[in-house]
């Protein structure tokens, strides 16, 4: 609740949003998996699916059912959870969709296997490239009843490079040489679209729809393409980036967030330029974005 007792909202330029989604999907060299952390709304997820997204990525159980209700049937849990109770809650959703998990530790595999057996489902495993002993995780996943080895995934917080993408492809090729399946090679990050190399099969991106001033500071997009803004600077506290520590940029009376994801966690809804109100699904069940 805001200081005036009103739930805070962010403003979204709907035309700009639609242009951003269309442009990104048209230019991407591989299918996009839309990470909902960049907006947390069913309405934007629908726009992304209509533009050709192969599915969505989530990190929280809370709110995920709303995306399934909207007809989205391919979901990746893009955080390496190890809590058995939380994994079980996710697994229960797999009766309604195809569900895969990012995994960065061998001890998670038996927990996922138990959750799959308990709910009578099959769960996918995507081995994180930065995990210790990724080959061991891949072998264990392939051998565990109720699990399938979907492939590998990699994300660089500082931004993916061509070398990072090539290492991800090399890991996938090593898994295949070991006689294991590795259909998915997923590179994460909105700016990673510029470093996709042969062998990458999927791109995970979240901020491309609304965008932010941090992406503009990198030269990745124009400041005028940022579709989200707020009036209250307090909502933008802590929204800086290492390369642009100021939390917002003022443009034409609008306050544009430097990092969109923290802002989304603080608002209850997105108010579009056409007057629609889109609920932001911000339920907390583990503390991660």
C-alpha atoms as a PDB file:
ATOM      1  CA  UNK A   1       0.000   0.000   0.000  1.00  0.00           C
ATOM      2  CA  UNK A   2       1.327   3.448  -0.876  1.00  0.00           C
ATOM      3  CA  UNK A   3       1.782   6.309   1.552  1.00  0.00           C
ATOM      4  CA  UNK A   4      -1.633   7.696   0.598  1.00  0.00           C
ATOM      5  CA  UNK A   5      -3.341   4.352   1.274  1.00  0.00           C
ATOM      6  CA  UNK A   6      -3.674   3.543  -2.423  1.00  0.00           C
ATOM      7  CA  UNK A   7      -2.052   0.447  -3.913  1.00  0.00           C
ATOM      8  CA  UNK A   8       0.811   1.643  -6.120  1.00  0.00           C
ATOM      9  CA  UNK A   9       0.545   1.281  -9.871  1.00  0.00           C
ATOM     10  CA  UNK A  10       2.972   1.767 -12.733  1.00  0.00           C
ATOM     11  CA  UNK A  11       1.998   3.293 -16.060  1.00  0.00           C
ATOM     12  CA  UNK A  12       2.523   1.333 -19.274  1.00  0.00           C
ATOM     13  CA  UNK A  13       2.503   2.745 -22.776  1.00  0.00           C
ATOM     14  CA  UNK A  14       0.574  -0.033 -24.515  1.00  0.00           C
ATOM     15  CA  UNK A  15       1.684   0.851 -28.043  1.00  0.00           C
ATOM     16  CA  UNK A  16       5.311   0.889 -26.975  1.00  0.00           C
ATOM     17  CA  UNK A  17       4.913  -2.435 -25.169  1.00  0.00           C
ATOM     18  CA  UNK A  18       3.398  -4.111 -28.203  1.00  0.00           C
ATOM     19  CA  UNK A  19       6.134  -2.752 -30.461  1.00  0.00           C
ATOM     20  CA  UNK A  20       8.819  -4.039 -28.074  1.00  0.00           C
ATOM     21  CA  UNK A  21       7.387  -7.553 -27.975  1.00  0.00           C
ATOM     22  CA  UNK A  22       6.878  -7.748 -31.727  1.00  0.00           C
ATOM     23  CA  UNK A  23      10.347  -6.388 -32.508  1.00  0.00           C
ATOM     24  CA  UNK A  24      12.173  -8.717 -30.131  1.00  0.00           C
ATOM     25  CA  UNK A  25      10.426 -11.839 -31.358  1.00  0.00           C
ATOM     26  CA  UNK A  26      10.916 -10.885 -34.999  1.00  0.00           C
ATOM     27  CA  UNK A  27      14.672 -10.367 -34.537  1.00  0.00           C
ATOM     28  CA  UNK A  28      15.452 -13.268 -32.189  1.00  0.00           C
ATOM     29  CA  UNK A  29      17.273 -16.078 -34.025  1.00  0.00           C
ATOM     30  CA  UNK A  30      15.814 -18.825 -31.799  1.00  0.00           C
ATOM     31  CA  UNK A  31      12.525 -19.348 -29.887  1.00  0.00           C
ATOM     32  CA  UNK A  32      11.994 -17.118 -26.847  1.00  0.00           C
ATOM     33  CA  UNK A  33      10.997 -18.317 -23.403  1.00  0.00           C
ATOM     34  CA  UNK A  34       9.418 -15.295 -21.736  1.00  0.00           C
ATOM     35  CA  UNK A  35      10.546 -14.854 -18.132  1.00  0.00           C
ATOM     36  CA  UNK A  36       7.598 -13.280 -16.373  1.00  0.00           C
ATOM     37  CA  UNK A  37       9.778 -11.603 -13.712  1.00  0.00           C
ATOM     38  CA  UNK A  38       9.987  -8.595 -16.057  1.00  0.00           C
ATOM     39  CA  UNK A  39       6.250  -7.883 -15.730  1.00  0.00           C
ATOM     40  CA  UNK A  40       4.387 -10.552 -13.669  1.00  0.00           C
ATOM     41  CA  UNK A  41       1.116 -10.128 -15.536  1.00  0.00           C
ATOM     42  CA  UNK A  42      -1.015 -12.605 -17.448  1.00  0.00           C
ATOM     43  CA  UNK A  43      -1.830  -9.963 -20.056  1.00  0.00           C
ATOM     44  CA  UNK A  44       1.792  -9.396 -21.105  1.00  0.00           C
ATOM     45  CA  UNK A  45       2.460 -13.137 -21.015  1.00  0.00           C
ATOM     46  CA  UNK A  46      -0.413 -13.559 -23.480  1.00  0.00           C
ATOM     47  CA  UNK A  47       1.128 -10.932 -25.775  1.00  0.00           C
ATOM     48  CA  UNK A  48       4.455 -12.782 -25.638  1.00  0.00           C
ATOM     49  CA  UNK A  49       2.858 -16.143 -26.406  1.00  0.00           C
ATOM     50  CA  UNK A  50       0.921 -14.631 -29.290  1.00  0.00           C
ATOM     51  CA  UNK A  51       4.210 -13.263 -30.655  1.00  0.00           C
ATOM     52  CA  UNK A  52       5.672 -16.774 -30.711  1.00  0.00           C
ATOM     53  CA  UNK A  53       7.106 -17.477 -27.251  1.00  0.00           C
ATOM     54  CA  UNK A  54       7.652 -21.210 -26.706  1.00  0.00           C
ATOM     55  CA  UNK A  55       6.572 -20.909 -23.071  1.00  0.00           C
ATOM     56  CA  UNK A  56       7.293 -18.968 -19.901  1.00  0.00           C
ATOM     57  CA  UNK A  57       9.798 -19.049 -17.062  1.00  0.00           C
ATOM     58  CA  UNK A  58       8.755 -18.505 -13.452  1.00  0.00           C
ATOM     59  CA  UNK A  59      10.472 -18.543 -10.085  1.00  0.00           C
ATOM     60  CA  UNK A  60       7.516 -18.629  -7.686  1.00  0.00           C
ATOM     61  CA  UNK A  61       4.666 -21.078  -7.207  1.00  0.00           C
ATOM     62  CA  UNK A  62       2.380 -18.204  -6.244  1.00  0.00           C
ATOM     63  CA  UNK A  63       0.579 -16.904  -9.287  1.00  0.00           C
ATOM     64  CA  UNK A  64       1.763 -19.638 -11.645  1.00  0.00           C
ATOM     65  CA  UNK A  65      -1.718 -21.154 -11.815  1.00  0.00           C
ATOM     66  CA  UNK A  66      -2.988 -17.912 -13.355  1.00  0.00           C
ATOM     67  CA  UNK A  67      -0.718 -18.445 -16.356  1.00  0.00           C
ATOM     68  CA  UNK A  68      -1.909 -22.032 -16.694  1.00  0.00           C
ATOM     69  CA  UNK A  69      -5.509 -20.796 -16.540  1.00  0.00           C
ATOM     70  CA  UNK A  70      -4.623 -18.517 -19.459  1.00  0.00           C
ATOM     71  CA  UNK A  71      -3.711 -21.558 -21.543  1.00  0.00           C
ATOM     72  CA  UNK A  72       0.082 -21.448 -21.222  1.00  0.00           C
ATOM     73  CA  UNK A  73       1.209 -25.060 -21.116  1.00  0.00           C
ATOM     74  CA  UNK A  74       5.029 -24.996 -21.100  1.00  0.00           C
ATOM     75  CA  UNK A  75       6.686 -23.698 -17.940  1.00  0.00           C
ATOM     76  CA  UNK A  76      10.275 -23.669 -16.693  1.00  0.00           C
ATOM     77  CA  UNK A  77      11.129 -23.005 -13.040  1.00  0.00           C
ATOM     78  CA  UNK A  78      14.127 -20.747 -13.578  1.00  0.00           C
ATOM     79  CA  UNK A  79      15.577 -20.870 -10.079  1.00  0.00           C
ATOM     80  CA  UNK A  80      17.408 -23.889  -8.583  1.00  0.00           C
ATOM     81  CA  UNK A  81      15.143 -24.516  -5.595  1.00  0.00           C
ATOM     82  CA  UNK A  82      16.130 -27.317  -3.195  1.00  0.00           C
ATOM     83  CA  UNK A  83      13.266 -27.079  -0.690  1.00  0.00           C
ATOM     84  CA  UNK A  84      11.299 -30.383  -0.924  1.00  0.00           C
ATOM     85  CA  UNK A  85       8.003 -28.730   0.034  1.00  0.00           C
ATOM     86  CA  UNK A  86       8.372 -26.059  -2.624  1.00  0.00           C
ATOM     87  CA  UNK A  87       9.420 -28.579  -5.269  1.00  0.00           C
ATOM     88  CA  UNK A  88       6.323 -30.601  -4.376  1.00  0.00           C
ATOM     89  CA  UNK A  89       4.053 -27.591  -4.811  1.00  0.00           C
ATOM     90  CA  UNK A  90       5.537 -26.972  -8.230  1.00  0.00           C
ATOM     91  CA  UNK A  91       5.237 -30.650  -9.169  1.00  0.00           C
ATOM     92  CA  UNK A  92       1.518 -30.549  -8.411  1.00  0.00           C
ATOM     93  CA  UNK A  93       1.173 -28.029 -11.253  1.00  0.00           C
ATOM     94  CA  UNK A  94       2.691 -30.502 -13.721  1.00  0.00           C
ATOM     95  CA  UNK A  95      -0.673 -32.237 -13.995  1.00  0.00           C
ATOM     96  CA  UNK A  96      -1.700 -29.141 -15.994  1.00  0.00           C
ATOM     97  CA  UNK A  97       1.418 -28.286 -17.990  1.00  0.00           C
ATOM     98  CA  UNK A  98       4.828 -29.406 -19.129  1.00  0.00           C
ATOM     99  CA  UNK A  99       7.153 -28.424 -16.288  1.00  0.00           C
ATOM    100  CA  UNK A 100      10.950 -28.310 -16.159  1.00  0.00           C
ATOM    101  CA  UNK A 101      13.361 -27.202 -13.438  1.00  0.00           C
ATOM    102  CA  UNK A 102      16.730 -25.490 -13.387  1.00  0.00           C
ATOM    103  CA  UNK A 103      19.022 -27.684 -11.267  1.00  0.00           C
ATOM    104  CA  UNK A 104      22.467 -26.774  -9.926  1.00  0.00           C
ATOM    105  CA  UNK A 105      23.080 -29.573  -7.402  1.00  0.00           C
ATOM    106  CA  UNK A 106      22.955 -33.373  -7.536  1.00  0.00           C
ATOM    107  CA  UNK A 107      21.055 -33.556  -4.247  1.00  0.00           C
ATOM    108  CA  UNK A 108      18.060 -31.855  -5.899  1.00  0.00           C
ATOM    109  CA  UNK A 109      17.533 -34.759  -8.321  1.00  0.00           C
ATOM    110  CA  UNK A 110      16.173 -37.333  -5.844  1.00  0.00           C
ATOM    111  CA  UNK A 111      13.929 -34.646  -4.348  1.00  0.00           C
ATOM    112  CA  UNK A 112      12.470 -33.962  -7.792  1.00  0.00           C
ATOM    113  CA  UNK A 113      12.103 -37.685  -8.423  1.00  0.00           C
ATOM    114  CA  UNK A 114      10.150 -38.094  -5.190  1.00  0.00           C
ATOM    115  CA  UNK A 115       7.923 -35.119  -6.055  1.00  0.00           C
ATOM    116  CA  UNK A 116       7.255 -36.569  -9.517  1.00  0.00           C
ATOM    117  CA  UNK A 117       6.312 -39.955  -8.065  1.00  0.00           C
ATOM    118  CA  UNK A 118       4.077 -38.400  -5.418  1.00  0.00           C
ATOM    119  CA  UNK A 119       2.053 -36.484  -8.004  1.00  0.00           C
ATOM    120  CA  UNK A 120       2.220 -39.040 -10.808  1.00  0.00           C
ATOM    121  CA  UNK A 121       3.913 -36.660 -13.244  1.00  0.00           C
ATOM    122  CA  UNK A 122       7.067 -36.400 -15.332  1.00  0.00           C
ATOM    123  CA  UNK A 123       9.343 -33.456 -14.644  1.00  0.00           C
ATOM    124  CA  UNK A 124      12.072 -32.053 -16.865  1.00  0.00           C
ATOM    125  CA  UNK A 125      15.570 -31.159 -15.694  1.00  0.00           C
ATOM    126  CA  UNK A 126      17.728 -28.394 -17.146  1.00  0.00           C
ATOM    127  CA  UNK A 127      21.244 -28.557 -15.782  1.00  0.00           C
ATOM    128  CA  UNK A 128      22.721 -25.165 -14.960  1.00  0.00           C
ATOM    129  CA  UNK A 129      26.061 -24.687 -16.671  1.00  0.00           C
ATOM    130  CA  UNK A 130      27.563 -23.067 -13.568  1.00  0.00           C
ATOM    131  CA  UNK A 131      26.751 -26.083 -11.388  1.00  0.00           C
ATOM    132  CA  UNK A 132      29.572 -28.121  -9.874  1.00  0.00           C
ATOM    133  CA  UNK A 133      29.884 -31.372 -11.868  1.00  0.00           C
ATOM    134  CA  UNK A 134      27.097 -30.712 -14.400  1.00  0.00           C
ATOM    135  CA  UNK A 135      27.766 -34.058 -16.126  1.00  0.00           C
ATOM    136  CA  UNK A 136      27.072 -35.925 -12.884  1.00  0.00           C
ATOM    137  CA  UNK A 137      23.751 -34.064 -12.514  1.00  0.00           C
ATOM    138  CA  UNK A 138      22.849 -34.917 -16.110  1.00  0.00           C
ATOM    139  CA  UNK A 139      23.586 -38.623 -15.614  1.00  0.00           C
ATOM    140  CA  UNK A 140      21.578 -38.753 -12.393  1.00  0.00           C
ATOM    141  CA  UNK A 141      18.611 -36.949 -13.939  1.00  0.00           C
ATOM    142  CA  UNK A 142      18.562 -39.294 -16.926  1.00  0.00           C
ATOM    143  CA  UNK A 143      18.592 -42.320 -14.608  1.00  0.00           C
ATOM    144  CA  UNK A 144      15.906 -41.149 -12.162  1.00  0.00           C
ATOM    145  CA  UNK A 145      12.325 -42.421 -12.701  1.00  0.00           C
ATOM    146  CA  UNK A 146       9.841 -39.611 -13.232  1.00  0.00           C
ATOM    147  CA  UNK A 147      12.462 -37.231 -14.627  1.00  0.00           C
ATOM    148  CA  UNK A 148      13.636 -36.410 -18.136  1.00  0.00           C
ATOM    149  CA  UNK A 149      16.871 -34.658 -19.025  1.00  0.00           C
ATOM    150  CA  UNK A 150      15.712 -31.648 -21.039  1.00  0.00           C
ATOM    151  CA  UNK A 151      19.157 -30.162 -21.513  1.00  0.00           C
ATOM    152  CA  UNK A 152      21.311 -27.329 -20.192  1.00  0.00           C
ATOM    153  CA  UNK A 153      20.822 -23.679 -19.330  1.00  0.00           C
ATOM    154  CA  UNK A 154      23.120 -20.770 -18.643  1.00  0.00           C
ATOM    155  CA  UNK A 155      22.775 -17.195 -17.464  1.00  0.00           C
ATOM    156  CA  UNK A 156      25.436 -14.552 -16.813  1.00  0.00           C
ATOM    157  CA  UNK A 157      24.297 -11.777 -14.413  1.00  0.00           C
ATOM    158  CA  UNK A 158      26.739  -9.340 -16.023  1.00  0.00           C
ATOM    159  CA  UNK A 159      25.425 -10.169 -19.487  1.00  0.00           C
ATOM    160  CA  UNK A 160      26.020 -13.112 -21.769  1.00  0.00           C
ATOM    161  CA  UNK A 161      28.992 -13.052 -24.128  1.00  0.00           C
ATOM    162  CA  UNK A 162      29.687 -15.077 -27.253  1.00  0.00           C
ATOM    163  CA  UNK A 163      32.273 -17.065 -25.280  1.00  0.00           C
ATOM    164  CA  UNK A 164      29.647 -17.861 -22.634  1.00  0.00           C
ATOM    165  CA  UNK A 165      27.214 -19.049 -25.302  1.00  0.00           C
ATOM    166  CA  UNK A 166      29.914 -21.210 -26.895  1.00  0.00           C
ATOM    167  CA  UNK A 167      30.739 -22.831 -23.529  1.00  0.00           C
ATOM    168  CA  UNK A 168      27.079 -23.681 -23.084  1.00  0.00           C
ATOM    169  CA  UNK A 169      26.995 -25.373 -26.489  1.00  0.00           C
ATOM    170  CA  UNK A 170      30.202 -27.277 -25.639  1.00  0.00           C
ATOM    171  CA  UNK A 171      28.612 -28.578 -22.416  1.00  0.00           C
ATOM    172  CA  UNK A 172      25.585 -29.799 -24.376  1.00  0.00           C
ATOM    173  CA  UNK A 173      27.810 -31.547 -26.902  1.00  0.00           C
ATOM    174  CA  UNK A 174      29.706 -33.273 -24.085  1.00  0.00           C
ATOM    175  CA  UNK A 175      26.459 -34.563 -22.599  1.00  0.00           C
ATOM    176  CA  UNK A 176      25.422 -35.941 -25.993  1.00  0.00           C
ATOM    177  CA  UNK A 177      28.807 -37.628 -26.473  1.00  0.00           C
ATOM    178  CA  UNK A 178      28.151 -39.396 -23.181  1.00  0.00           C
ATOM    179  CA  UNK A 179      25.041 -40.920 -24.761  1.00  0.00           C
ATOM    180  CA  UNK A 180      22.538 -38.718 -22.934  1.00  0.00           C
ATOM    181  CA  UNK A 181      19.767 -36.591 -24.458  1.00  0.00           C
ATOM    182  CA  UNK A 182      20.247 -32.839 -24.536  1.00  0.00           C
ATOM    183  CA  UNK A 183      17.540 -31.331 -26.750  1.00  0.00           C
ATOM    184  CA  UNK A 184      17.480 -27.886 -25.114  1.00  0.00           C
ATOM    185  CA  UNK A 185      20.417 -25.482 -24.919  1.00  0.00           C
ATOM    186  CA  UNK A 186      18.923 -22.392 -23.296  1.00  0.00           C
ATOM    187  CA  UNK A 187      20.784 -19.089 -23.074  1.00  0.00           C
ATOM    188  CA  UNK A 188      19.433 -16.582 -20.572  1.00  0.00           C
ATOM    189  CA  UNK A 189      19.227 -12.793 -20.600  1.00  0.00           C
ATOM    190  CA  UNK A 190      17.476 -10.159 -22.699  1.00  0.00           C
ATOM    191  CA  UNK A 191      20.737  -8.844 -24.190  1.00  0.00           C
ATOM    192  CA  UNK A 192      21.840 -12.438 -24.923  1.00  0.00           C
ATOM    193  CA  UNK A 193      19.843 -12.219 -28.159  1.00  0.00           C
ATOM    194  CA  UNK A 194      22.897 -10.481 -29.613  1.00  0.00           C
ATOM    195  CA  UNK A 195      25.315 -13.363 -28.868  1.00  0.00           C
ATOM    196  CA  UNK A 196      23.310 -16.436 -29.903  1.00  0.00           C
ATOM    197  CA  UNK A 197      25.629 -18.945 -31.614  1.00  0.00           C
ATOM    198  CA  UNK A 198      24.864 -22.149 -33.548  1.00  0.00           C
ATOM    199  CA  UNK A 199      23.739 -24.823 -31.109  1.00  0.00           C
ATOM    200  CA  UNK A 200      21.686 -22.520 -28.875  1.00  0.00           C
ATOM    201  CA  UNK A 201      18.070 -23.659 -29.173  1.00  0.00           C
ATOM    202  CA  UNK A 202      16.218 -21.297 -26.839  1.00  0.00           C
ATOM    203  CA  UNK A 203      16.598 -17.790 -25.416  1.00  0.00           C
ATOM    204  CA  UNK A 204      15.240 -16.878 -21.982  1.00  0.00           C
ATOM    205  CA  UNK A 205      14.421 -13.170 -21.670  1.00  0.00           C
ATOM    206  CA  UNK A 206      12.329 -11.090 -19.315  1.00  0.00           C
ATOM    207  CA  UNK A 207      12.966  -7.348 -19.599  1.00  0.00           C
ATOM    208  CA  UNK A 208      12.481  -7.004 -23.347  1.00  0.00           C
ATOM    209  CA  UNK A 209       8.746  -6.286 -23.130  1.00  0.00           C
ATOM    210  CA  UNK A 210       8.684  -3.269 -20.803  1.00  0.00           C
ATOM    211  CA  UNK A 211      12.445  -2.540 -20.975  1.00  0.00           C
ATOM    212  CA  UNK A 212      14.232  -0.122 -18.645  1.00  0.00           C
ATOM    213  CA  UNK A 213      16.760   2.685 -18.523  1.00  0.00           C
ATOM    214  CA  UNK A 214      19.500   0.202 -17.635  1.00  0.00           C
ATOM    215  CA  UNK A 215      19.124  -1.513 -21.013  1.00  0.00           C
ATOM    216  CA  UNK A 216      19.171   1.924 -22.640  1.00  0.00           C
ATOM    217  CA  UNK A 217      22.376   2.839 -20.754  1.00  0.00           C
ATOM    218  CA  UNK A 218      24.005  -0.251 -22.242  1.00  0.00           C
ATOM    219  CA  UNK A 219      23.048   0.983 -25.689  1.00  0.00           C
ATOM    220  CA  UNK A 220      20.822  -2.049 -26.207  1.00  0.00           C
ATOM    221  CA  UNK A 221      17.660  -0.013 -26.777  1.00  0.00           C
ATOM    222  CA  UNK A 222      16.515   3.582 -27.032  1.00  0.00           C
ATOM    223  CA  UNK A 223      15.306   5.320 -23.906  1.00  0.00           C
ATOM    224  CA  UNK A 224      12.131   6.128 -25.800  1.00  0.00           C
ATOM    225  CA  UNK A 225      11.306   2.422 -26.041  1.00  0.00           C
ATOM    226  CA  UNK A 226      10.975   2.027 -22.258  1.00  0.00           C
ATOM    227  CA  UNK A 227       7.270   1.335 -21.838  1.00  0.00           C
ATOM    228  CA  UNK A 228       6.970   1.581 -18.041  1.00  0.00           C
ATOM    229  CA  UNK A 229       7.100   4.599 -15.741  1.00  0.00           C
ATOM    230  CA  UNK A 230       5.930   5.784 -12.325  1.00  0.00           C
ATOM    231  CA  UNK A 231       5.211   9.092 -10.640  1.00  0.00           C
ATOM    232  CA  UNK A 232       6.547   8.222  -7.170  1.00  0.00           C
ATOM    233  CA  UNK A 233      10.371   8.123  -6.959  1.00  0.00           C
ATOM    234  CA  UNK A 234      10.155   6.136  -3.713  1.00  0.00           C
ATOM    235  CA  UNK A 235       8.999   3.130  -5.729  1.00  0.00           C
ATOM    236  CA  UNK A 236      12.326   3.214  -7.570  1.00  0.00           C
ATOM    237  CA  UNK A 237      14.626   3.071  -4.563  1.00  0.00           C
ATOM    238  CA  UNK A 238      17.275   0.421  -5.160  1.00  0.00           C
ATOM    239  CA  UNK A 239      16.438   0.040  -8.857  1.00  0.00           C
ATOM    240  CA  UNK A 240      19.938   0.908 -10.038  1.00  0.00           C
ATOM    241  CA  UNK A 241      22.360  -1.282 -11.969  1.00  0.00           C
ATOM    242  CA  UNK A 242      26.142  -1.655 -11.487  1.00  0.00           C
ATOM    243  CA  UNK A 243      26.759   0.246 -14.726  1.00  0.00           C
ATOM    244  CA  UNK A 244      24.033   2.829 -13.995  1.00  0.00           C
ATOM    245  CA  UNK A 245      23.566   3.224 -10.212  1.00  0.00           C
ATOM    246  CA  UNK A 246      20.948   5.973 -10.432  1.00  0.00           C
ATOM    247  CA  UNK A 247      17.593   4.236  -9.855  1.00  0.00           C
ATOM    248  CA  UNK A 248      15.721   6.094 -12.575  1.00  0.00           C
ATOM    249  CA  UNK A 249      15.935   8.488 -15.483  1.00  0.00           C
ATOM    250  CA  UNK A 250      13.564  11.402 -15.821  1.00  0.00           C
ATOM    251  CA  UNK A 251      12.210  11.783 -19.354  1.00  0.00           C
ATOM    252  CA  UNK A 252       9.429  14.136 -20.337  1.00  0.00           C
ATOM    253  CA  UNK A 253       7.859  14.134 -16.876  1.00  0.00           C
ATOM    254  CA  UNK A 254       8.124  10.329 -16.614  1.00  0.00           C
ATOM    255  CA  UNK A 255      10.367   8.430 -14.183  1.00  0.00           C
ATOM    256  CA  UNK A 256      11.812   5.426 -16.002  1.00  0.00           C
ATOM    257  CA  UNK A 257      13.265   2.639 -13.825  1.00  0.00           C
ATOM    258  CA  UNK A 258      16.890   1.712 -14.342  1.00  0.00           C
ATOM    259  CA  UNK A 259      15.978  -1.893 -13.480  1.00  0.00           C
ATOM    260  CA  UNK A 260      12.407  -2.942 -14.146  1.00  0.00           C
ATOM    261  CA  UNK A 261      12.302  -6.151 -12.063  1.00  0.00           C
ATOM    262  CA  UNK A 262      12.584  -4.571  -8.564  1.00  0.00           C
ATOM    263  CA  UNK A 263       9.946  -2.020  -9.518  1.00  0.00           C
ATOM    264  CA  UNK A 264       7.512  -4.744 -10.583  1.00  0.00           C
ATOM    265  CA  UNK A 265       7.838  -6.295  -7.119  1.00  0.00           C
ATOM    266  CA  UNK A 266       6.575  -3.055  -5.552  1.00  0.00           C
ATOM    267  CA  UNK A 267       3.457  -2.354  -7.571  1.00  0.00           C
ATOM    268  CA  UNK A 268       0.037  -3.947  -7.381  1.00  0.00           C
ATOM    269  CA  UNK A 269      -0.959  -3.300 -10.976  1.00  0.00           C
ATOM    270  CA  UNK A 270       0.066  -1.907 -14.329  1.00  0.00           C
ATOM    271  CA  UNK A 271      -2.213   0.841 -15.663  1.00  0.00           C
ATOM    272  CA  UNK A 272      -2.099   1.001 -19.440  1.00  0.00           C
ATOM    273  CA  UNK A 273      -2.313   4.070 -21.651  1.00  0.00           C
ATOM    274  CA  UNK A 274      -5.768   2.857 -22.723  1.00  0.00           C
ATOM    275  CA  UNK A 275      -7.034   2.685 -19.137  1.00  0.00           C
ATOM    276  CA  UNK A 276      -6.780  -1.068 -18.522  1.00  0.00           C
ATOM    277  CA  UNK A 277      -5.631  -2.283 -15.106  1.00  0.00           C
ATOM    278  CA  UNK A 278      -3.476  -5.412 -15.141  1.00  0.00           C
ATOM    279  CA  UNK A 279      -2.935  -7.141 -11.803  1.00  0.00           C
ATOM    280  CA  UNK A 280       0.697  -7.853 -10.941  1.00  0.00           C
ATOM    281  CA  UNK A 281       1.059 -11.358  -9.507  1.00  0.00           C
ATOM    282  CA  UNK A 282       3.482 -10.765  -6.681  1.00  0.00           C
ATOM    283  CA  UNK A 283       2.763 -13.519  -4.180  1.00  0.00           C
ATOM    284  CA  UNK A 284       5.875 -14.474  -2.199  1.00  0.00           C
ATOM    285  CA  UNK A 285       6.811 -18.066  -1.473  1.00  0.00           C
ATOM    286  CA  UNK A 286      10.560 -18.118  -1.323  1.00  0.00           C
ATOM    287  CA  UNK A 287      11.935 -14.655  -1.583  1.00  0.00           C
ATOM    288  CA  UNK A 288      13.344 -14.910  -5.091  1.00  0.00           C
ATOM    289  CA  UNK A 289      12.285 -12.739  -8.001  1.00  0.00           C
END
